[in-house]
Amino acid sequence: MRHTNMFIHHSTPALSEVKNYFSSRGAPEQEAVAFFFVYECRHWRARRGHFIKSWKTTALRWIQYALLAQATAA
């Protein structure tokens, strides 16, 4: 019988961590704040309800879309 761990610890970042990460990627602080509060309201779950395993991967995707939107709007 195979056992799986149903209780995986998911760490959530502080707003300051998110701001630092966005800043290091050249994204504006307002995007960091928006990202943080969107996912905080979702309890750090993806759209389909699964916990986000890596908030940095999700943040990077957010940053890429935000910078692309900025470039196309200019």
PDB file of N, CA and C in Angstrom:
ATOM      1  N   MET A   1       0.841  -1.177   0.000  1.00  0.00           N
ATOM      2  CA  MET A   1       0.000   0.000   0.000  1.00  0.00           C
ATOM      3  C   MET A   1       0.890   1.246   0.000  1.00  0.00           C
ATOM      4  N   ARG A   2       0.590   2.154  -0.883  1.00  0.00           N
ATOM      5  CA  ARG A   2       1.392   3.365  -1.026  1.00  0.00           C
ATOM      6  C   ARG A   2       0.793   4.479  -0.171  1.00  0.00           C
ATOM      7  N   HIS A   3       1.653   5.139   0.598  1.00  0.00           N
ATOM      8  CA  HIS A   3       1.197   6.244   1.439  1.00  0.00           C
ATOM      9  C   HIS A   3       1.680   7.555   0.844  1.00  0.00           C
ATOM     10  N   THR A   4       0.822   8.548   0.875  1.00  0.00           N
ATOM     11  CA  THR A   4       1.202   9.875   0.411  1.00  0.00           C
ATOM     12  C   THR A   4       1.011  10.862   1.541  1.00  0.00           C
ATOM     13  N   ASN A   5       1.812  11.865   1.534  1.00  0.00           N
ATOM     14  CA  ASN A   5       1.709  12.900   2.551  1.00  0.00           C
ATOM     15  C   ASN A   5       0.669  13.917   2.103  1.00  0.00           C
ATOM     16  N   MET A   6      -0.442  13.967   2.798  1.00  0.00           N
ATOM     17  CA  MET A   6      -1.516  14.874   2.430  1.00  0.00           C
ATOM     18  C   MET A   6      -1.313  16.272   2.993  1.00  0.00           C
ATOM     19  N   PHE A   7      -0.394  16.422   3.926  1.00  0.00           N
ATOM     20  CA  PHE A   7      -0.195  17.701   4.575  1.00  0.00           C
ATOM     21  C   PHE A   7       1.185  18.251   4.219  1.00  0.00           C
ATOM     22  N   ILE A   8       1.260  18.874   3.086  1.00  0.00           N
ATOM     23  CA  ILE A   8       2.512  19.477   2.633  1.00  0.00           C
ATOM     24  C   ILE A   8       2.521  20.930   3.085  1.00  0.00           C
ATOM     25  N   HIS A   9       3.621  21.346   3.679  1.00  0.00           N
ATOM     26  CA  HIS A   9       3.729  22.712   4.181  1.00  0.00           C
ATOM     27  C   HIS A   9       3.974  23.667   3.015  1.00  0.00           C
ATOM     28  N   HIS A  10       3.139  24.666   2.925  1.00  0.00           N
ATOM     29  CA  HIS A  10       3.291  25.701   1.909  1.00  0.00           C
ATOM     30  C   HIS A  10       3.602  27.011   2.628  1.00  0.00           C
ATOM     31  N   SER A  11       4.751  27.580   2.351  1.00  0.00           N
ATOM     32  CA  SER A  11       5.092  28.833   3.005  1.00  0.00           C
ATOM     33  C   SER A  11       4.601  29.994   2.150  1.00  0.00           C
ATOM     34  N   THR A  12       4.035  30.971   2.798  1.00  0.00           N
ATOM     35  CA  THR A  12       3.560  32.153   2.090  1.00  0.00           C
ATOM     36  C   THR A  12       4.521  33.296   2.369  1.00  0.00           C
ATOM     37  N   PRO A  13       4.771  34.115   1.370  1.00  0.00           N
ATOM     38  CA  PRO A  13       5.740  35.195   1.548  1.00  0.00           C
ATOM     39  C   PRO A  13       5.131  36.400   2.259  1.00  0.00           C
ATOM     40  N   ALA A  14       6.002  37.195   2.814  1.00  0.00           N
ATOM     41  CA  ALA A  14       5.589  38.487   3.375  1.00  0.00           C
ATOM     42  C   ALA A  14       5.563  39.501   2.228  1.00  0.00           C
ATOM     43  N   LEU A  15       4.822  40.568   2.413  1.00  0.00           N
ATOM     44  CA  LEU A  15       4.742  41.594   1.381  1.00  0.00           C
ATOM     45  C   LEU A  15       6.128  42.135   1.045  1.00  0.00           C
ATOM     46  N   SER A  16       6.981  42.299   2.042  1.00  0.00           N
ATOM     47  CA  SER A  16       8.332  42.821   1.795  1.00  0.00           C
ATOM     48  C   SER A  16       9.138  41.867   0.909  1.00  0.00           C
ATOM     49  N   GLU A  17       8.961  40.556   1.081  1.00  0.00           N
ATOM     50  CA  GLU A  17       9.650  39.578   0.229  1.00  0.00           C
ATOM     51  C   GLU A  17       9.190  39.703  -1.218  1.00  0.00           C
ATOM     52  N   VAL A  18       7.887  39.868  -1.388  1.00  0.00           N
ATOM     53  CA  VAL A  18       7.328  39.998  -2.733  1.00  0.00           C
ATOM     54  C   VAL A  18       7.846  41.280  -3.386  1.00  0.00           C
ATOM     55  N   LYS A  19       7.856  42.376  -2.637  1.00  0.00           N
ATOM     56  CA  LYS A  19       8.363  43.646  -3.172  1.00  0.00           C
ATOM     57  C   LYS A  19       9.827  43.511  -3.591  1.00  0.00           C
ATOM     58  N   ASN A  20      10.638  42.872  -2.763  1.00  0.00           N
ATOM     59  CA  ASN A  20      12.054  42.693  -3.091  1.00  0.00           C
ATOM     60  C   ASN A  20      12.227  41.841  -4.349  1.00  0.00           C
ATOM     61  N   TYR A  21      11.424  40.781  -4.460  1.00  0.00           N
ATOM     62  CA  TYR A  21      11.524  39.900  -5.622  1.00  0.00           C
ATOM     63  C   TYR A  21      11.131  40.646  -6.894  1.00  0.00           C
ATOM     64  N   PHE A  22      10.031  41.384  -6.851  1.00  0.00           N
ATOM     65  CA  PHE A  22       9.601  42.140  -8.025  1.00  0.00           C
ATOM     66  C   PHE A  22      10.634  43.197  -8.400  1.00  0.00           C
ATOM     67  N   SER A  23      11.182  43.862  -7.401  1.00  0.00           N
ATOM     68  CA  SER A  23      12.204  44.880  -7.646  1.00  0.00           C
ATOM     69  C   SER A  23      13.434  44.271  -8.318  1.00  0.00           C
ATOM     70  N   SER A  24      13.837  43.095  -7.872  1.00  0.00           N
ATOM     71  CA  SER A  24      15.013  42.443  -8.456  1.00  0.00           C
ATOM     72  C   SER A  24      14.773  42.020  -9.900  1.00  0.00           C
ATOM     73  N   ARG A  25      13.508  41.907 -10.285  1.00  0.00           N
ATOM     74  CA  ARG A  25      13.148  41.532 -11.653  1.00  0.00           C
ATOM     75  C   ARG A  25      12.779  42.740 -12.506  1.00  0.00           C
ATOM     76  N   GLY A  26      12.910  43.951 -11.949  1.00  0.00           N
ATOM     77  CA  GLY A  26      12.636  45.163 -12.706  1.00  0.00           C
ATOM     78  C   GLY A  26      11.161  45.502 -12.845  1.00  0.00           C
ATOM     79  N   ALA A  27      10.339  44.938 -11.983  1.00  0.00           N
ATOM     80  CA  ALA A  27       8.902  45.200 -12.035  1.00  0.00           C
ATOM     81  C   ALA A  27       8.541  46.293 -11.027  1.00  0.00           C
ATOM     82  N   PRO A  28       7.526  47.080 -11.331  1.00  0.00           N
ATOM     83  CA  PRO A  28       7.123  48.150 -10.409  1.00  0.00           C
ATOM     84  C   PRO A  28       6.542  47.617  -9.099  1.00  0.00           C
ATOM     85  N   GLU A  29       6.685  48.426  -8.060  1.00  0.00           N
ATOM     86  CA  GLU A  29       6.201  48.038  -6.735  1.00  0.00           C
ATOM     87  C   GLU A  29       4.692  47.828  -6.731  1.00  0.00           C
ATOM     88  N   GLN A  30       3.965  48.616  -7.516  1.00  0.00           N
ATOM     89  CA  GLN A  30       2.499  48.469  -7.538  1.00  0.00           C
ATOM     90  C   GLN A  30       2.086  47.096  -8.044  1.00  0.00           C
ATOM     91  N   GLU A  31       2.877  46.501  -8.934  1.00  0.00           N
ATOM     92  CA  GLU A  31       2.590  45.135  -9.400  1.00  0.00           C
ATOM     93  C   GLU A  31       2.825  44.127  -8.273  1.00  0.00           C
ATOM     94  N   ALA A  32       3.852  44.368  -7.475  1.00  0.00           N
ATOM     95  CA  ALA A  32       4.142  43.486  -6.342  1.00  0.00           C
ATOM     96  C   ALA A  32       3.004  43.513  -5.341  1.00  0.00           C
ATOM     97  N   VAL A  33       2.507  44.694  -5.058  1.00  0.00           N
ATOM     98  CA  VAL A  33       1.414  44.842  -4.102  1.00  0.00           C
ATOM     99  C   VAL A  33       0.147  44.172  -4.647  1.00  0.00           C
ATOM    100  N   ALA A  34      -0.138  44.393  -5.933  1.00  0.00           N
ATOM    101  CA  ALA A  34      -1.319  43.778  -6.552  1.00  0.00           C
ATOM    102  C   ALA A  34      -1.209  42.258  -6.501  1.00  0.00           C
ATOM    103  N   PHE A  35      -0.048  41.726  -6.872  1.00  0.00           N
ATOM    104  CA  PHE A  35       0.180  40.279  -6.839  1.00  0.00           C
ATOM    105  C   PHE A  35      -0.047  39.727  -5.430  1.00  0.00           C
ATOM    106  N   PHE A  36       0.560  40.376  -4.463  1.00  0.00           N
ATOM    107  CA  PHE A  36       0.464  39.898  -3.082  1.00  0.00           C
ATOM    108  C   PHE A  36      -0.986  39.824  -2.613  1.00  0.00           C
ATOM    109  N   PHE A  37      -1.737  40.888  -2.823  1.00  0.00           N
ATOM    110  CA  PHE A  37      -3.104  40.916  -2.307  1.00  0.00           C
ATOM    111  C   PHE A  37      -4.054  40.011  -3.089  1.00  0.00           C
ATOM    112  N   VAL A  38      -3.821  39.837  -4.377  1.00  0.00           N
ATOM    113  CA  VAL A  38      -4.639  38.895  -5.151  1.00  0.00           C
ATOM    114  C   VAL A  38      -4.471  37.488  -4.583  1.00  0.00           C
ATOM    115  N   TYR A  39      -3.231  37.078  -4.406  1.00  0.00           N
ATOM    116  CA  TYR A  39      -2.998  35.719  -3.917  1.00  0.00           C
ATOM    117  C   TYR A  39      -3.264  35.571  -2.423  1.00  0.00           C
ATOM    118  N   GLU A  40      -3.134  36.622  -1.674  1.00  0.00           N
ATOM    119  CA  GLU A  40      -3.496  36.580  -0.247  1.00  0.00           C
ATOM    120  C   GLU A  40      -5.004  36.339  -0.124  1.00  0.00           C
ATOM    121  N   CYS A  41      -5.789  37.014  -0.959  1.00  0.00           N
ATOM    122  CA  CYS A  41      -7.250  36.807  -0.944  1.00  0.00           C
ATOM    123  C   CYS A  41      -7.624  35.395  -1.377  1.00  0.00           C
ATOM    124  N   ARG A  42      -6.813  34.816  -2.241  1.00  0.00           N
ATOM    125  CA  ARG A  42      -7.067  33.444  -2.698  1.00  0.00           C
ATOM    126  C   ARG A  42      -6.471  32.406  -1.746  1.00  0.00           C
ATOM    127  N   HIS A  43      -5.875  32.861  -0.654  1.00  0.00           N
ATOM    128  CA  HIS A  43      -5.210  31.974   0.306  1.00  0.00           C
ATOM    129  C   HIS A  43      -4.082  31.186  -0.359  1.00  0.00           C
ATOM    130  N   TRP A  44      -3.387  31.863  -1.276  1.00  0.00           N
ATOM    131  CA  TRP A  44      -2.237  31.309  -1.985  1.00  0.00           C
ATOM    132  C   TRP A  44      -2.586  30.015  -2.719  1.00  0.00           C
ATOM    133  N   ARG A  45      -3.731  30.073  -3.383  1.00  0.00           N
ATOM    134  CA  ARG A  45      -4.178  28.955  -4.217  1.00  0.00           C
ATOM    135  C   ARG A  45      -4.273  29.428  -5.656  1.00  0.00           C
ATOM    136  N   ALA A  46      -4.038  28.509  -6.570  1.00  0.00           N
ATOM    137  CA  ALA A  46      -4.183  28.802  -7.991  1.00  0.00           C
ATOM    138  C   ALA A  46      -5.671  28.843  -8.331  1.00  0.00           C
ATOM    139  N   ARG A  47      -5.985  29.201  -9.540  1.00  0.00           N
ATOM    140  CA  ARG A  47      -7.386  29.318  -9.953  1.00  0.00           C
ATOM    141  C   ARG A  47      -8.172  28.032  -9.781  1.00  0.00           C
ATOM    142  N   ARG A  48      -7.525  26.907  -9.949  1.00  0.00           N
ATOM    143  CA  ARG A  48      -8.215  25.623  -9.824  1.00  0.00           C
ATOM    144  C   ARG A  48      -8.292  25.115  -8.389  1.00  0.00           C
ATOM    145  N   GLY A  49      -7.804  25.901  -7.448  1.00  0.00           N
ATOM    146  CA  GLY A  49      -7.938  25.554  -6.045  1.00  0.00           C
ATOM    147  C   GLY A  49      -6.758  24.857  -5.405  1.00  0.00           C
ATOM    148  N   HIS A  50      -5.726  24.557  -6.186  1.00  0.00           N
ATOM    149  CA  HIS A  50      -4.542  23.903  -5.628  1.00  0.00           C
ATOM    150  C   HIS A  50      -3.624  24.938  -4.996  1.00  0.00           C
ATOM    151  N   PHE A  51      -2.948  24.537  -3.925  1.00  0.00           N
ATOM    152  CA  PHE A  51      -1.974  25.440  -3.316  1.00  0.00           C
ATOM    153  C   PHE A  51      -0.849  25.725  -4.297  1.00  0.00           C
ATOM    154  N   ILE A  52      -0.367  26.941  -4.275  1.00  0.00           N
ATOM    155  CA  ILE A  52       0.769  27.322  -5.108  1.00  0.00           C
ATOM    156  C   ILE A  52       2.019  26.730  -4.477  1.00  0.00           C
ATOM    157  N   LYS A  53       2.755  25.952  -5.249  1.00  0.00           N
ATOM    158  CA  LYS A  53       3.957  25.304  -4.726  1.00  0.00           C
ATOM    159  C   LYS A  53       5.127  26.278  -4.650  1.00  0.00           C
ATOM    160  N   SER A  54       5.237  27.150  -5.639  1.00  0.00           N
ATOM    161  CA  SER A  54       6.335  28.109  -5.675  1.00  0.00           C
ATOM    162  C   SER A  54       5.777  29.488  -6.019  1.00  0.00           C
ATOM    163  N   TRP A  55       5.692  30.345  -5.021  1.00  0.00           N
ATOM    164  CA  TRP A  55       5.148  31.668  -5.284  1.00  0.00           C
ATOM    165  C   TRP A  55       6.057  32.456  -6.223  1.00  0.00           C
ATOM    166  N   LYS A  56       7.360  32.166  -6.211  1.00  0.00           N
ATOM    167  CA  LYS A  56       8.280  32.889  -7.092  1.00  0.00           C
ATOM    168  C   LYS A  56       8.028  32.556  -8.561  1.00  0.00           C
ATOM    169  N   THR A  57       7.687  31.315  -8.855  1.00  0.00           N
ATOM    170  CA  THR A  57       7.358  30.932 -10.223  1.00  0.00           C
ATOM    171  C   THR A  57       6.087  31.638 -10.663  1.00  0.00           C
ATOM    172  N   THR A  58       5.104  31.681  -9.788  1.00  0.00           N
ATOM    173  CA  THR A  58       3.855  32.370 -10.090  1.00  0.00           C
ATOM    174  C   THR A  58       4.102  33.868 -10.251  1.00  0.00           C
ATOM    175  N   ALA A  59       4.950  34.433  -9.412  1.00  0.00           N
ATOM    176  CA  ALA A  59       5.278  35.853  -9.495  1.00  0.00           C
ATOM    177  C   ALA A  59       6.011  36.172 -10.793  1.00  0.00           C
ATOM    178  N   LEU A  60       6.905  35.302 -11.193  1.00  0.00           N
ATOM    179  CA  LEU A  60       7.643  35.530 -12.437  1.00  0.00           C
ATOM    180  C   LEU A  60       6.690  35.572 -13.625  1.00  0.00           C
ATOM    181  N   ARG A  61       5.728  34.680 -13.644  1.00  0.00           N
ATOM    182  CA  ARG A  61       4.724  34.678 -14.710  1.00  0.00           C
ATOM    183  C   ARG A  61       3.923  35.987 -14.682  1.00  0.00           C
ATOM    184  N   TRP A  62       3.542  36.437 -13.489  1.00  0.00           N
ATOM    185  CA  TRP A  62       2.808  37.698 -13.320  1.00  0.00           C
ATOM    186  C   TRP A  62       3.639  38.854 -13.874  1.00  0.00           C
ATOM    187  N   ILE A  63       4.922  38.884 -13.522  1.00  0.00           N
ATOM    188  CA  ILE A  63       5.825  39.950 -13.971  1.00  0.00           C
ATOM    189  C   ILE A  63       5.936  39.948 -15.492  1.00  0.00           C
ATOM    190  N   GLN A  64       6.100  38.778 -16.080  1.00  0.00           N
ATOM    191  CA  GLN A  64       6.220  38.686 -17.535  1.00  0.00           C
ATOM    192  C   GLN A  64       4.991  39.249 -18.223  1.00  0.00           C
ATOM    193  N   TYR A  65       3.807  38.896 -17.739  1.00  0.00           N
ATOM    194  CA  TYR A  65       2.569  39.432 -18.328  1.00  0.00           C
ATOM    195  C   TYR A  65       2.452  40.932 -18.120  1.00  0.00           C
ATOM    196  N   ALA A  66       2.838  41.410 -16.935  1.00  0.00           N
ATOM    197  CA  ALA A  66       2.748  42.836 -16.629  1.00  0.00           C
ATOM    198  C   ALA A  66       3.689  43.644 -17.523  1.00  0.00           C
ATOM    199  N   LEU A  67       4.918  43.165 -17.696  1.00  0.00           N
ATOM    200  CA  LEU A  67       5.874  43.880 -18.537  1.00  0.00           C
ATOM    201  C   LEU A  67       5.467  43.817 -20.008  1.00  0.00           C
ATOM    202  N   LEU A  68       4.895  42.697 -20.437  1.00  0.00           N
ATOM    203  CA  LEU A  68       4.396  42.587 -21.803  1.00  0.00           C
ATOM    204  C   LEU A  68       3.246  43.552 -22.039  1.00  0.00           C
ATOM    205  N   ALA A  69       2.358  43.670 -21.077  1.00  0.00           N
ATOM    206  CA  ALA A  69       1.227  44.607 -21.198  1.00  0.00           C
ATOM    207  C   ALA A  69       1.726  46.043 -21.257  1.00  0.00           C
ATOM    208  N   GLN A  70       2.765  46.350 -20.479  1.00  0.00           N
ATOM    209  CA  GLN A  70       3.355  47.697 -20.493  1.00  0.00           C
ATOM    210  C   GLN A  70       3.962  47.989 -21.855  1.00  0.00           C
ATOM    211  N   ALA A  71       4.669  47.026 -22.415  1.00  0.00           N
ATOM    212  CA  ALA A  71       5.342  47.218 -23.695  1.00  0.00           C
ATOM    213  C   ALA A  71       4.349  47.392 -24.832  1.00  0.00           C
ATOM    214  N   THR A  72       3.260  46.653 -24.811  1.00  0.00           N
ATOM    215  CA  THR A  72       2.281  46.771 -25.881  1.00  0.00           C
ATOM    216  C   THR A  72       1.428  48.019 -25.751  1.00  0.00           C
ATOM    217  N   ALA A  73       1.302  48.550 -24.523  1.00  0.00           N
ATOM    218  CA  ALA A  73       0.514  49.768 -24.307  1.00  0.00           C
ATOM    219  C   ALA A  73       1.287  51.017 -24.706  1.00  0.00           C
ATOM    220  N   ALA A  74       2.594  50.903 -24.749  1.00  0.00           N
ATOM    221  CA  ALA A  74       3.438  52.102 -25.051  1.00  0.00           C
ATOM    222  C   ALA A  74       3.543  52.388 -26.510  1.00  0.00           C
TER     223      ALA A  74
END
